[in-house]
Amino acid sequence: MTSWRETISEEAQNDLDSLLNAALTLAEQTLVKYGEFFPYGAGVTTDGQTALVATDPDLGDRPASDEVLAMLYDRARAQSEDWRAMAIVATVTIPEGDAVRVELEHREGAALLVLMPFSIDPETREVTTGDLSAGAAEPRVW
């Protein structure tokens, strides 16, 4: 079976690796500080810079995550010529508990879904993470 790494350039592999690292680092920091987060995006610009992507659905203090995700994907598609890679990050519930879900996509054609299980100690706010799992995803930006 062909690995996604065999189908894209080394630059694209590096873009996705660094983007995943940045996305998971921010997710973990935000979970430690607030215990939750709204979906957000991060991307690698055409000149190789990593930047956060957010959106304000103007739906109050606690908009539905699905609405925020839809707006993030709409924005990513509308601005796809400005990006080499994009990650959309949200929390989800999986059979084992909670997880950070990162959907990664590169304009060279790779689309991946990465899950990082986590738990938060309610007293100390310490975040414990589990092993990452990854698989192919459907392209949503390119």
Protein backbone atom coordinates (compact mmCIF):
# COMPACT_ATOMS: atom_id res chain seq x y z
CA MET A 1 0.00 0.00 0.00
CA THR A 2 1.34 3.43 -0.94
CA SER A 3 1.90 5.87 1.92
CA TRP A 4 0.69 9.45 1.56
CA ARG A 5 4.32 10.49 2.01
CA GLU A 6 5.19 8.73 -1.25
CA THR A 7 2.64 10.77 -3.21
CA ILE A 8 3.75 14.32 -2.31
CA SER A 9 6.96 16.34 -2.30
CA GLU A 10 9.33 16.61 0.65
CA GLU A 11 8.26 20.25 1.05
CA ALA A 12 4.61 19.16 1.33
CA GLN A 13 5.54 16.49 3.89
CA ASN A 14 7.39 19.11 5.94
CA ASP A 15 4.44 21.51 5.64
CA LEU A 16 2.03 18.90 7.00
CA ASP A 17 4.38 17.74 9.75
CA SER A 18 5.04 21.27 11.03
CA LEU A 19 1.37 22.21 10.69
CA LEU A 20 0.27 19.18 12.71
CA ASN A 21 2.83 19.97 15.40
CA ALA A 22 1.68 23.61 15.61
CA ALA A 23 -2.01 22.64 15.64
CA LEU A 24 -1.60 20.04 18.40
CA THR A 25 0.63 22.30 20.50
CA LEU A 26 -1.94 25.12 20.43
CA ALA A 27 -4.79 22.70 21.14
CA GLU A 28 -3.01 21.27 24.17
CA GLN A 29 -2.08 24.74 25.50
CA THR A 30 -5.66 25.92 25.10
CA LEU A 31 -7.06 22.82 26.80
CA VAL A 32 -4.71 23.39 29.76
CA LYS A 33 -5.73 27.03 30.05
CA TYR A 34 -9.47 26.84 29.33
CA GLY A 35 -10.44 23.18 29.33
CA GLU A 36 -11.95 23.56 25.85
CA PHE A 37 -11.63 25.47 22.59
CA PHE A 38 -13.68 26.46 19.59
CA PRO A 39 -12.64 25.04 16.23
CA TYR A 40 -9.83 26.91 14.54
CA GLY A 41 -7.59 26.60 11.55
CA ALA A 42 -3.91 26.93 10.84
CA GLY A 43 -2.19 27.04 7.52
CA VAL A 44 1.09 27.29 5.69
CA THR A 45 1.11 30.27 3.34
CA THR A 46 2.51 30.11 -0.16
CA ASP A 47 5.74 31.66 1.15
CA GLY A 48 6.09 29.00 3.88
CA GLN A 49 4.84 30.89 6.94
CA THR A 50 2.54 29.22 9.46
CA ALA A 51 -0.47 31.29 10.47
CA LEU A 52 -3.63 30.80 12.50
CA VAL A 53 -6.99 31.02 10.79
CA ALA A 54 -10.05 31.96 12.80
CA THR A 55 -13.53 33.05 12.01
CA ASP A 56 -16.22 34.91 13.91
CA PRO A 57 -19.63 33.52 13.06
CA ASP A 58 -21.24 36.46 14.90
CA LEU A 59 -23.53 34.02 16.69
CA GLY A 60 -22.85 34.99 20.29
CA ASP A 61 -20.38 33.76 22.87
CA ARG A 62 -20.96 30.04 22.30
CA PRO A 63 -21.66 29.35 18.64
CA ALA A 64 -22.26 25.76 17.55
CA SER A 65 -19.00 24.06 16.58
CA ASP A 66 -20.55 22.80 13.34
CA GLU A 67 -21.26 26.36 12.25
CA VAL A 68 -17.72 27.49 13.09
CA LEU A 69 -16.26 24.51 11.20
CA ALA A 70 -18.40 25.24 8.14
CA MET A 71 -17.20 28.84 8.13
CA LEU A 72 -13.56 27.77 8.51
CA TYR A 73 -13.82 25.41 5.53
CA ASP A 74 -15.62 28.06 3.46
CA ARG A 75 -12.86 30.55 4.23
CA ALA A 76 -10.11 28.03 3.47
CA ARG A 77 -11.68 27.19 0.09
CA ALA A 78 -12.21 30.85 -0.77
CA GLN A 79 -8.57 31.67 0.03
CA SER A 80 -6.99 28.41 -1.14
CA GLU A 81 -4.66 30.18 -3.58
CA ASP A 82 -2.97 31.86 -0.57
CA TRP A 83 -2.13 28.57 1.18
CA ARG A 84 0.04 25.49 0.58
CA ALA A 85 -1.50 23.53 3.44
CA MET A 86 -4.39 23.86 5.85
CA ALA A 87 -5.38 22.24 9.15
CA ILE A 88 -8.80 22.49 10.78
CA VAL A 89 -8.83 21.61 14.47
CA ALA A 90 -11.72 20.71 16.77
CA THR A 91 -12.53 18.56 19.76
CA VAL A 92 -14.65 15.46 19.21
CA THR A 93 -15.98 12.55 21.21
CA ILE A 94 -14.70 9.12 20.24
CA PRO A 95 -15.56 5.75 21.83
CA GLU A 96 -12.57 6.07 24.20
CA GLY A 97 -13.50 9.62 25.32
CA ASP A 98 -12.48 13.04 24.05
CA ALA A 99 -10.00 13.75 21.27
CA VAL A 100 -8.51 16.58 19.31
CA ARG A 101 -9.32 16.07 15.62
CA VAL A 102 -7.00 17.65 13.07
CA GLU A 103 -7.95 17.50 9.41
CA LEU A 104 -4.85 18.26 7.35
CA GLU A 105 -4.78 18.97 3.67
CA HIS A 106 -2.09 19.99 1.19
CA ARG A 107 -2.64 21.50 -2.20
CA GLU A 108 -0.50 18.69 -3.66
CA GLY A 109 -3.35 16.31 -2.88
CA ALA A 110 -2.72 14.78 0.56
CA ALA A 111 -5.69 14.79 2.96
CA LEU A 112 -5.31 13.29 6.44
CA LEU A 113 -7.31 12.94 9.61
CA VAL A 114 -5.36 12.78 12.88
CA LEU A 115 -6.89 12.07 16.29
CA MET A 116 -5.20 12.74 19.62
CA PRO A 117 -7.17 11.36 22.57
CA PHE A 118 -6.98 13.44 25.74
CA SER A 119 -8.32 13.74 29.25
CA ILE A 120 -8.26 16.68 31.64
CA ASP A 121 -7.91 16.36 35.39
CA PRO A 122 -10.72 18.62 36.70
CA GLU A 123 -8.73 19.70 39.75
CA THR A 124 -5.29 20.38 38.28
CA ARG A 125 -6.28 21.00 34.65
CA GLU A 126 -3.46 18.69 33.69
CA VAL A 127 -3.98 17.40 30.18
CA THR A 128 -3.01 13.82 29.45
CA THR A 129 -2.79 12.83 25.81
CA GLY A 130 -2.92 9.44 24.19
CA ASP A 131 -1.31 8.00 21.10
CA LEU A 132 -2.03 9.68 17.80
CA SER A 133 -3.97 7.80 15.17
CA ALA A 134 -4.05 8.86 11.54
CA GLY A 135 -5.74 7.92 8.33
CA ALA A 136 -6.79 9.23 4.97
CA ALA A 137 -9.47 11.91 4.76
CA GLU A 138 -11.66 13.35 2.06
CA PRO A 139 -10.27 16.59 0.58
CA ARG A 140 -12.40 19.59 1.58
CA VAL A 141 -10.25 22.54 0.49
CA TRP A 142 -8.43 21.55 -2.72
